[in-house]
Amino acid sequence: MQNSAAPIMDEKTLRWMPWVIAIAFFMQSLDGTILNTALPSMARSLAE
């Protein structure tokens, strides 16, 4: 009896996966930076 498992991801997927993860981390950092910069102004605007 032969038990051959199919590959989970092909070569093309494995080549693009690090780039997708890197872009996701960059977008998360950018979003946090924008929010932290805008939050004081938003708080002042809502307090009026």
PDB file of N, CA and C in Angstrom:
ATOM      1  N   MET A   1       0.845  -1.177   0.000  1.00  0.00           N
ATOM      2  CA  MET A   1       0.000   0.000   0.000  1.00  0.00           C
ATOM      3  C   MET A   1       0.893   1.244   0.000  1.00  0.00           C
ATOM      4  N   GLN A   2       0.602   2.131  -0.907  1.00  0.00           N
ATOM      5  CA  GLN A   2       1.417   3.328  -1.054  1.00  0.00           C
ATOM      6  C   GLN A   2       0.622   4.539  -0.574  1.00  0.00           C
ATOM      7  N   ASN A   3       1.248   5.332   0.266  1.00  0.00           N
ATOM      8  CA  ASN A   3       0.586   6.504   0.825  1.00  0.00           C
ATOM      9  C   ASN A   3       1.336   7.744   0.353  1.00  0.00           C
ATOM     10  N   SER A   4       0.919   8.316  -0.762  1.00  0.00           N
ATOM     11  CA  SER A   4       1.582   9.509  -1.280  1.00  0.00           C
ATOM     12  C   SER A   4       0.663  10.704  -1.069  1.00  0.00           C
ATOM     13  N   ALA A   5       1.145  11.651  -0.307  1.00  0.00           N
ATOM     14  CA  ALA A   5       0.356  12.844  -0.013  1.00  0.00           C
ATOM     15  C   ALA A   5       0.568  13.877  -1.115  1.00  0.00           C
ATOM     16  N   ALA A   6      -0.485  14.548  -1.472  1.00  0.00           N
ATOM     17  CA  ALA A   6      -0.395  15.613  -2.463  1.00  0.00           C
ATOM     18  C   ALA A   6       0.272  16.829  -1.824  1.00  0.00           C
ATOM     19  N   PRO A   7       1.047  17.575  -2.604  1.00  0.00           N
ATOM     20  CA  PRO A   7       1.667  18.782  -2.044  1.00  0.00           C
ATOM     21  C   PRO A   7       0.601  19.785  -1.605  1.00  0.00           C
ATOM     22  N   ILE A   8       0.861  20.447  -0.502  1.00  0.00           N
ATOM     23  CA  ILE A   8      -0.114  21.393   0.040  1.00  0.00           C
ATOM     24  C   ILE A   8      -0.199  22.645  -0.831  1.00  0.00           C
ATOM     25  N   MET A   9       0.962  23.177  -1.211  1.00  0.00           N
ATOM     26  CA  MET A   9       0.995  24.378  -2.047  1.00  0.00           C
ATOM     27  C   MET A   9       1.958  24.146  -3.199  1.00  0.00           C
ATOM     28  N   ASP A  10       1.625  24.713  -4.334  1.00  0.00           N
ATOM     29  CA  ASP A  10       2.529  24.573  -5.465  1.00  0.00           C
ATOM     30  C   ASP A  10       3.645  25.613  -5.384  1.00  0.00           C
ATOM     31  N   GLU A  11       4.585  25.520  -6.307  1.00  0.00           N
ATOM     32  CA  GLU A  11       5.766  26.391  -6.273  1.00  0.00           C
ATOM     33  C   GLU A  11       5.400  27.859  -6.463  1.00  0.00           C
ATOM     34  N   LYS A  12       4.432  28.137  -7.323  1.00  0.00           N
ATOM     35  CA  LYS A  12       4.040  29.527  -7.579  1.00  0.00           C
ATOM     36  C   LYS A  12       3.449  30.166  -6.322  1.00  0.00           C
ATOM     37  N   THR A  13       2.635  29.413  -5.601  1.00  0.00           N
ATOM     38  CA  THR A  13       2.052  29.928  -4.360  1.00  0.00           C
ATOM     39  C   THR A  13       3.132  30.190  -3.325  1.00  0.00           C
ATOM     40  N   LEU A  14       4.072  29.280  -3.207  1.00  0.00           N
ATOM     41  CA  LEU A  14       5.147  29.457  -2.230  1.00  0.00           C
ATOM     42  C   LEU A  14       6.045  30.639  -2.575  1.00  0.00           C
ATOM     43  N   ARG A  15       6.155  30.963  -3.856  1.00  0.00           N
ATOM     44  CA  ARG A  15       6.982  32.094  -4.265  1.00  0.00           C
ATOM     45  C   ARG A  15       6.322  33.425  -3.896  1.00  0.00           C
ATOM     46  N   TRP A  16       4.990  33.509  -3.976  1.00  0.00           N
ATOM     47  CA  TRP A  16       4.280  34.760  -3.710  1.00  0.00           C
ATOM     48  C   TRP A  16       3.896  34.942  -2.251  1.00  0.00           C
ATOM     49  N   MET A  17       3.853  33.874  -1.485  1.00  0.00           N
ATOM     50  CA  MET A  17       3.392  33.944  -0.097  1.00  0.00           C
ATOM     51  C   MET A  17       4.196  34.933   0.762  1.00  0.00           C
ATOM     52  N   PRO A  18       5.535  34.951   0.730  1.00  0.00           N
ATOM     53  CA  PRO A  18       6.268  35.939   1.548  1.00  0.00           C
ATOM     54  C   PRO A  18       5.940  37.382   1.181  1.00  0.00           C
ATOM     55  N   TRP A  19       5.723  37.649  -0.109  1.00  0.00           N
ATOM     56  CA  TRP A  19       5.381  39.011  -0.524  1.00  0.00           C
ATOM     57  C   TRP A  19       4.009  39.426  -0.013  1.00  0.00           C
ATOM     58  N   VAL A  20       3.066  38.532  -0.059  1.00  0.00           N
ATOM     59  CA  VAL A  20       1.720  38.836   0.437  1.00  0.00           C
ATOM     60  C   VAL A  20       1.760  39.114   1.935  1.00  0.00           C
ATOM     61  N   ILE A  21       2.508  38.309   2.669  1.00  0.00           N
ATOM     62  CA  ILE A  21       2.622  38.505   4.116  1.00  0.00           C
ATOM     63  C   ILE A  21       3.337  39.814   4.426  1.00  0.00           C
ATOM     64  N   ALA A  22       4.402  40.124   3.683  1.00  0.00           N
ATOM     65  CA  ALA A  22       5.139  41.373   3.908  1.00  0.00           C
ATOM     66  C   ALA A  22       4.259  42.589   3.630  1.00  0.00           C
ATOM     67  N   ILE A  23       3.483  42.547   2.566  1.00  0.00           N
ATOM     68  CA  ILE A  23       2.587  43.664   2.245  1.00  0.00           C
ATOM     69  C   ILE A  23       1.503  43.805   3.303  1.00  0.00           C
ATOM     70  N   ALA A  24       1.008  42.691   3.812  1.00  0.00           N
ATOM     71  CA  ALA A  24      -0.011  42.751   4.866  1.00  0.00           C
ATOM     72  C   ALA A  24       0.546  43.396   6.134  1.00  0.00           C
ATOM     73  N   PHE A  25       1.773  43.019   6.525  1.00  0.00           N
ATOM     74  CA  PHE A  25       2.391  43.646   7.698  1.00  0.00           C
ATOM     75  C   PHE A  25       2.630  45.134   7.467  1.00  0.00           C
ATOM     76  N   PHE A  26       3.061  45.510   6.256  1.00  0.00           N
ATOM     77  CA  PHE A  26       3.278  46.917   5.944  1.00  0.00           C
ATOM     78  C   PHE A  26       1.975  47.704   6.029  1.00  0.00           C
ATOM     79  N   MET A  27       0.898  47.161   5.485  1.00  0.00           N
ATOM     80  CA  MET A  27      -0.389  47.851   5.528  1.00  0.00           C
ATOM     81  C   MET A  27      -0.889  47.998   6.963  1.00  0.00           C
ATOM     82  N   GLN A  28      -0.663  46.995   7.789  1.00  0.00           N
ATOM     83  CA  GLN A  28      -1.058  47.078   9.198  1.00  0.00           C
ATOM     84  C   GLN A  28      -0.275  48.181   9.909  1.00  0.00           C
ATOM     85  N   SER A  29       1.028  48.264   9.646  1.00  0.00           N
ATOM     86  CA  SER A  29       1.850  49.314  10.260  1.00  0.00           C
ATOM     87  C   SER A  29       1.422  50.693   9.778  1.00  0.00           C
ATOM     88  N   LEU A  30       1.156  50.818   8.492  1.00  0.00           N
ATOM     89  CA  LEU A  30       0.724  52.094   7.930  1.00  0.00           C
ATOM     90  C   LEU A  30      -0.612  52.524   8.525  1.00  0.00           C
ATOM     91  N   ASP A  31      -1.531  51.600   8.661  1.00  0.00           N
ATOM     92  CA  ASP A  31      -2.836  51.898   9.249  1.00  0.00           C
ATOM     93  C   ASP A  31      -2.682  52.364  10.695  1.00  0.00           C
ATOM     94  N   GLY A  32      -1.831  51.708  11.456  1.00  0.00           N
ATOM     95  CA  GLY A  32      -1.597  52.114  12.843  1.00  0.00           C
ATOM     96  C   GLY A  32      -0.980  53.495  12.938  1.00  0.00           C
ATOM     97  N   THR A  33      -0.057  53.803  12.031  1.00  0.00           N
ATOM     98  CA  THR A  33       0.581  55.118  12.024  1.00  0.00           C
ATOM     99  C   THR A  33      -0.429  56.210  11.699  1.00  0.00           C
ATOM    100  N   ILE A  34      -1.252  55.977  10.702  1.00  0.00           N
ATOM    101  CA  ILE A  34      -2.265  56.971  10.323  1.00  0.00           C
ATOM    102  C   ILE A  34      -3.256  57.183  11.460  1.00  0.00           C
ATOM    103  N   LEU A  35      -3.691  56.106  12.077  1.00  0.00           N
ATOM    104  CA  LEU A  35      -4.649  56.218  13.178  1.00  0.00           C
ATOM    105  C   LEU A  35      -4.043  56.972  14.358  1.00  0.00           C
ATOM    106  N   ASN A  36      -2.810  56.646  14.737  1.00  0.00           N
ATOM    107  CA  ASN A  36      -2.178  57.324  15.868  1.00  0.00           C
ATOM    108  C   ASN A  36      -1.920  58.791  15.579  1.00  0.00           C
ATOM    109  N   THR A  37      -1.708  59.144  14.332  1.00  0.00           N
ATOM    110  CA  THR A  37      -1.507  60.546  13.968  1.00  0.00           C
ATOM    111  C   THR A  37      -2.830  61.307  13.973  1.00  0.00           C
ATOM    112  N   ALA A  38      -3.895  60.688  13.511  1.00  0.00           N
ATOM    113  CA  ALA A  38      -5.182  61.372  13.377  1.00  0.00           C
ATOM    114  C   ALA A  38      -6.015  61.360  14.653  1.00  0.00           C
ATOM    115  N   LEU A  39      -5.741  60.459  15.570  1.00  0.00           N
ATOM    116  CA  LEU A  39      -6.590  60.298  16.750  1.00  0.00           C
ATOM    117  C   LEU A  39      -6.703  61.556  17.614  1.00  0.00           C
ATOM    118  N   PRO A  40      -5.622  62.288  17.912  1.00  0.00           N
ATOM    119  CA  PRO A  40      -5.786  63.509  18.714  1.00  0.00           C
ATOM    120  C   PRO A  40      -6.691  64.545  18.040  1.00  0.00           C
ATOM    121  N   SER A  41      -6.559  64.695  16.748  1.00  0.00           N
ATOM    122  CA  SER A  41      -7.407  65.644  16.025  1.00  0.00           C
ATOM    123  C   SER A  41      -8.867  65.196  16.044  1.00  0.00           C
ATOM    124  N   MET A  42      -9.093  63.907  15.900  1.00  0.00           N
ATOM    125  CA  MET A  42     -10.461  63.385  15.951  1.00  0.00           C
ATOM    126  C   MET A  42     -11.063  63.587  17.339  1.00  0.00           C
ATOM    127  N   ALA A  43     -10.276  63.396  18.377  1.00  0.00           N
ATOM    128  CA  ALA A  43     -10.768  63.569  19.743  1.00  0.00           C
ATOM    129  C   ALA A  43     -11.136  65.029  20.003  1.00  0.00           C
ATOM    130  N   ARG A  44     -10.297  65.961  19.542  1.00  0.00           N
ATOM    131  CA  ARG A  44     -10.608  67.387  19.703  1.00  0.00           C
ATOM    132  C   ARG A  44     -11.878  67.746  18.950  1.00  0.00           C
ATOM    133  N   SER A  45     -12.034  67.201  17.763  1.00  0.00           N
ATOM    134  CA  SER A  45     -13.207  67.505  16.947  1.00  0.00           C
ATOM    135  C   SER A  45     -14.491  66.969  17.589  1.00  0.00           C
ATOM    136  N   LEU A  46     -14.433  65.806  18.194  1.00  0.00           N
ATOM    137  CA  LEU A  46     -15.618  65.221  18.814  1.00  0.00           C
ATOM    138  C   LEU A  46     -15.956  65.859  20.155  1.00  0.00           C
ATOM    139  N   ALA A  47     -14.982  66.466  20.810  1.00  0.00           N
ATOM    140  CA  ALA A  47     -15.215  67.067  22.119  1.00  0.00           C
ATOM    141  C   ALA A  47     -15.965  68.392  22.006  1.00  0.00           C
ATOM    142  N   GLU A  48     -15.987  68.989  20.855  1.00  0.00           N
ATOM    143  CA  GLU A  48     -16.646  70.290  20.692  1.00  0.00           C
ATOM    144  C   GLU A  48     -18.137  70.175  20.666  1.00  0.00           C
TER     145      GLU A  48
END
